[in-house]
Amino acid sequence: MYWNTPKTFQHDMTIAALLSTFSDIHSILGKPPLIGYGANIAFEIWRIDNLYEMKIMYANQWDANPQDITQFAPGCEDSIKFCNVTKFIQHSRQLFFDNVQEACLKDGENLTS
């Protein structure tokens, strides 16, 4: 049975992981958080006055109209229509590691200290 396999939930987990970095996941997915069939996220990149700006759109169902969720993205909380791409990257950078093994060792040392 396909519906009861790990592949069934990979789409939902990917969307949930991405949206968990946003400031208010409940404003996007509701309470409790529900990810609909065919839910999708689109990152629109715009060039405005020689600056790269972005808009993030989310549809919680394959047939739903996408909603603008830009203001919930890291570094975009004060955005009205667009978010500066550089600002978004700077705020999101803390979520990534250049060296995963080093980061794990550092966290392990913090736990035992």
C-alpha atoms as a PDB file:
ATOM      1  CA  MET A   1       0.000   0.000   0.000  1.00  0.00           C
ATOM      2  CA  TYR A   2       1.569   3.254  -1.164  1.00  0.00           C
ATOM      3  CA  TRP A   3      -0.210   5.523   1.341  1.00  0.00           C
ATOM      4  CA  ASN A   4       1.532   3.913   4.304  1.00  0.00           C
ATOM      5  CA  THR A   5       5.153   4.321   3.190  1.00  0.00           C
ATOM      6  CA  PRO A   6       7.802   6.875   4.219  1.00  0.00           C
ATOM      7  CA  LYS A   7       7.631   8.389   0.715  1.00  0.00           C
ATOM      8  CA  THR A   8       4.056   9.440   1.402  1.00  0.00           C
ATOM      9  CA  PHE A   9       5.176  11.961   4.007  1.00  0.00           C
ATOM     10  CA  GLN A  10       8.398  13.287   2.430  1.00  0.00           C
ATOM     11  CA  HIS A  11       6.575  16.140   0.693  1.00  0.00           C
ATOM     12  CA  ASP A  12       4.870  17.193   3.923  1.00  0.00           C
ATOM     13  CA  MET A  13       8.093  16.988   5.942  1.00  0.00           C
ATOM     14  CA  THR A  14       9.990  19.103   3.408  1.00  0.00           C
ATOM     15  CA  ILE A  15       7.359  21.840   3.536  1.00  0.00           C
ATOM     16  CA  ALA A  16       7.094  21.626   7.340  1.00  0.00           C
ATOM     17  CA  ALA A  17      10.886  21.848   7.736  1.00  0.00           C
ATOM     18  CA  LEU A  18      11.096  24.898   5.493  1.00  0.00           C
ATOM     19  CA  LEU A  19       8.154  26.670   7.116  1.00  0.00           C
ATOM     20  CA  SER A  20       9.464  25.905  10.620  1.00  0.00           C
ATOM     21  CA  THR A  21      12.172  28.510   9.939  1.00  0.00           C
ATOM     22  CA  PHE A  22       9.489  31.168   9.452  1.00  0.00           C
ATOM     23  CA  SER A  23       8.373  33.386  12.339  1.00  0.00           C
ATOM     24  CA  ASP A  24       4.808  32.078  12.701  1.00  0.00           C
ATOM     25  CA  ILE A  25       4.113  28.687  11.165  1.00  0.00           C
ATOM     26  CA  HIS A  26       0.575  28.666  12.627  1.00  0.00           C
ATOM     27  CA  SER A  27      -0.381  31.775  10.644  1.00  0.00           C
ATOM     28  CA  ILE A  28       0.556  29.874   7.501  1.00  0.00           C
ATOM     29  CA  LEU A  29      -0.607  26.303   8.224  1.00  0.00           C
ATOM     30  CA  GLY A  30      -3.204  26.837  10.946  1.00  0.00           C
ATOM     31  CA  LYS A  31      -3.482  25.216  14.358  1.00  0.00           C
ATOM     32  CA  PRO A  32      -2.816  22.313  14.329  1.00  0.00           C
ATOM     33  CA  PRO A  33      -0.523  22.676  11.316  1.00  0.00           C
ATOM     34  CA  LEU A  34      -2.007  20.893   8.304  1.00  0.00           C
ATOM     35  CA  ILE A  35      -0.281  20.512   4.956  1.00  0.00           C
ATOM     36  CA  GLY A  36      -2.716  19.828   2.163  1.00  0.00           C
ATOM     37  CA  TYR A  37      -2.378  17.534  -0.834  1.00  0.00           C
ATOM     38  CA  GLY A  38      -0.236  19.232  -3.459  1.00  0.00           C
ATOM     39  CA  ALA A  39       0.786  22.092  -1.164  1.00  0.00           C
ATOM     40  CA  ASN A  40       3.524  24.212  -2.716  1.00  0.00           C
ATOM     41  CA  ILE A  41       5.874  27.117  -2.039  1.00  0.00           C
ATOM     42  CA  ALA A  42       7.159  29.484  -4.723  1.00  0.00           C
ATOM     43  CA  PHE A  43      10.041  31.907  -4.280  1.00  0.00           C
ATOM     44  CA  GLU A  44       9.614  34.717  -6.815  1.00  0.00           C
ATOM     45  CA  ILE A  45      12.791  36.717  -7.431  1.00  0.00           C
ATOM     46  CA  TRP A  46      12.363  40.253  -8.768  1.00  0.00           C
ATOM     47  CA  ARG A  47      14.917  42.835  -9.852  1.00  0.00           C
ATOM     48  CA  ILE A  48      13.698  46.241  -8.708  1.00  0.00           C
ATOM     49  CA  ASP A  49      15.921  49.332  -9.017  1.00  0.00           C
ATOM     50  CA  ASN A  50      18.980  47.067  -9.451  1.00  0.00           C
ATOM     51  CA  LEU A  51      18.225  45.248  -6.179  1.00  0.00           C
ATOM     52  CA  TYR A  52      17.076  41.648  -5.936  1.00  0.00           C
ATOM     53  CA  GLU A  53      13.828  41.381  -4.042  1.00  0.00           C
ATOM     54  CA  MET A  54      11.673  38.342  -3.422  1.00  0.00           C
ATOM     55  CA  LYS A  55       8.133  37.361  -2.687  1.00  0.00           C
ATOM     56  CA  ILE A  56       7.226  34.000  -1.161  1.00  0.00           C
ATOM     57  CA  MET A  57       3.896  32.454  -2.109  1.00  0.00           C
ATOM     58  CA  TYR A  58       2.289  29.411  -0.467  1.00  0.00           C
ATOM     59  CA  ALA A  59      -0.712  27.341  -1.504  1.00  0.00           C
ATOM     60  CA  ASN A  60      -1.844  24.749   1.037  1.00  0.00           C
ATOM     61  CA  GLN A  61      -3.687  22.642  -1.535  1.00  0.00           C
ATOM     62  CA  TRP A  62      -3.152  21.804  -5.188  1.00  0.00           C
ATOM     63  CA  ASP A  63      -6.194  23.875  -6.171  1.00  0.00           C
ATOM     64  CA  ALA A  64      -5.795  26.729  -3.644  1.00  0.00           C
ATOM     65  CA  ASN A  65      -4.879  30.285  -4.562  1.00  0.00           C
ATOM     66  CA  PRO A  66      -1.336  31.068  -3.382  1.00  0.00           C
ATOM     67  CA  GLN A  67      -1.060  33.436  -0.420  1.00  0.00           C
ATOM     68  CA  ASP A  68       1.798  35.868   0.162  1.00  0.00           C
ATOM     69  CA  ILE A  69       3.763  34.646   3.213  1.00  0.00           C
ATOM     70  CA  THR A  70       6.839  36.844   2.697  1.00  0.00           C
ATOM     71  CA  GLN A  71       6.396  38.710   5.993  1.00  0.00           C
ATOM     72  CA  PHE A  72       6.882  35.460   7.955  1.00  0.00           C
ATOM     73  CA  ALA A  73      10.268  34.604   6.363  1.00  0.00           C
ATOM     74  CA  PRO A  74      13.528  35.085   8.314  1.00  0.00           C
ATOM     75  CA  GLY A  75      14.664  38.704   7.957  1.00  0.00           C
ATOM     76  CA  CYS A  76      11.476  39.714   6.155  1.00  0.00           C
ATOM     77  CA  GLU A  77       9.227  40.423   9.140  1.00  0.00           C
ATOM     78  CA  ASP A  78       9.125  44.158   8.364  1.00  0.00           C
ATOM     79  CA  SER A  79       8.484  43.630   4.642  1.00  0.00           C
ATOM     80  CA  ILE A  80       5.298  44.929   3.099  1.00  0.00           C
ATOM     81  CA  LYS A  81       5.350  43.533  -0.443  1.00  0.00           C
ATOM     82  CA  PHE A  82       8.905  42.348  -1.150  1.00  0.00           C
ATOM     83  CA  CYS A  83      11.888  41.231   0.916  1.00  0.00           C
ATOM     84  CA  ASN A  84      15.476  42.019   0.029  1.00  0.00           C
ATOM     85  CA  VAL A  85      17.162  38.762  -1.012  1.00  0.00           C
ATOM     86  CA  THR A  86      20.471  39.661   0.673  1.00  0.00           C
ATOM     87  CA  LYS A  87      18.681  40.369   3.957  1.00  0.00           C
ATOM     88  CA  PHE A  88      16.841  37.040   3.738  1.00  0.00           C
ATOM     89  CA  ILE A  89      20.090  35.154   3.070  1.00  0.00           C
ATOM     90  CA  GLN A  90      21.880  36.885   5.958  1.00  0.00           C
ATOM     91  CA  HIS A  91      19.107  35.948   8.391  1.00  0.00           C
ATOM     92  CA  SER A  92      18.832  32.401   7.024  1.00  0.00           C
ATOM     93  CA  ARG A  93      22.587  31.787   7.013  1.00  0.00           C
ATOM     94  CA  GLN A  94      22.594  30.869  10.707  1.00  0.00           C
ATOM     95  CA  LEU A  95      20.524  27.794   9.814  1.00  0.00           C
ATOM     96  CA  PHE A  96      23.329  26.304   7.691  1.00  0.00           C
ATOM     97  CA  PHE A  97      26.713  24.848   8.566  1.00  0.00           C
ATOM     98  CA  ASP A  98      29.851  24.909   6.444  1.00  0.00           C
ATOM     99  CA  ASN A  99      31.173  21.889   8.340  1.00  0.00           C
ATOM    100  CA  VAL A 100      28.462  19.642   9.809  1.00  0.00           C
ATOM    101  CA  GLN A 101      30.918  17.410  11.718  1.00  0.00           C
ATOM    102  CA  GLU A 102      32.501  20.440  13.385  1.00  0.00           C
ATOM    103  CA  ALA A 103      29.084  21.814  14.345  1.00  0.00           C
ATOM    104  CA  CYS A 104      28.052  18.466  15.853  1.00  0.00           C
ATOM    105  CA  LEU A 105      31.281  18.236  17.866  1.00  0.00           C
ATOM    106  CA  LYS A 106      30.804  21.782  19.106  1.00  0.00           C
ATOM    107  CA  ASP A 107      27.247  21.002  20.194  1.00  0.00           C
ATOM    108  CA  GLY A 108      28.439  17.786  21.845  1.00  0.00           C
ATOM    109  CA  GLU A 109      31.053  19.705  23.827  1.00  0.00           C
ATOM    110  CA  ASN A 110      28.406  22.166  24.949  1.00  0.00           C
ATOM    111  CA  LEU A 111      26.219  19.327  26.176  1.00  0.00           C
ATOM    112  CA  THR A 112      28.995  17.732  28.240  1.00  0.00           C
ATOM    113  CA  SER A 113      30.472  20.967  29.626  1.00  0.00           C
END
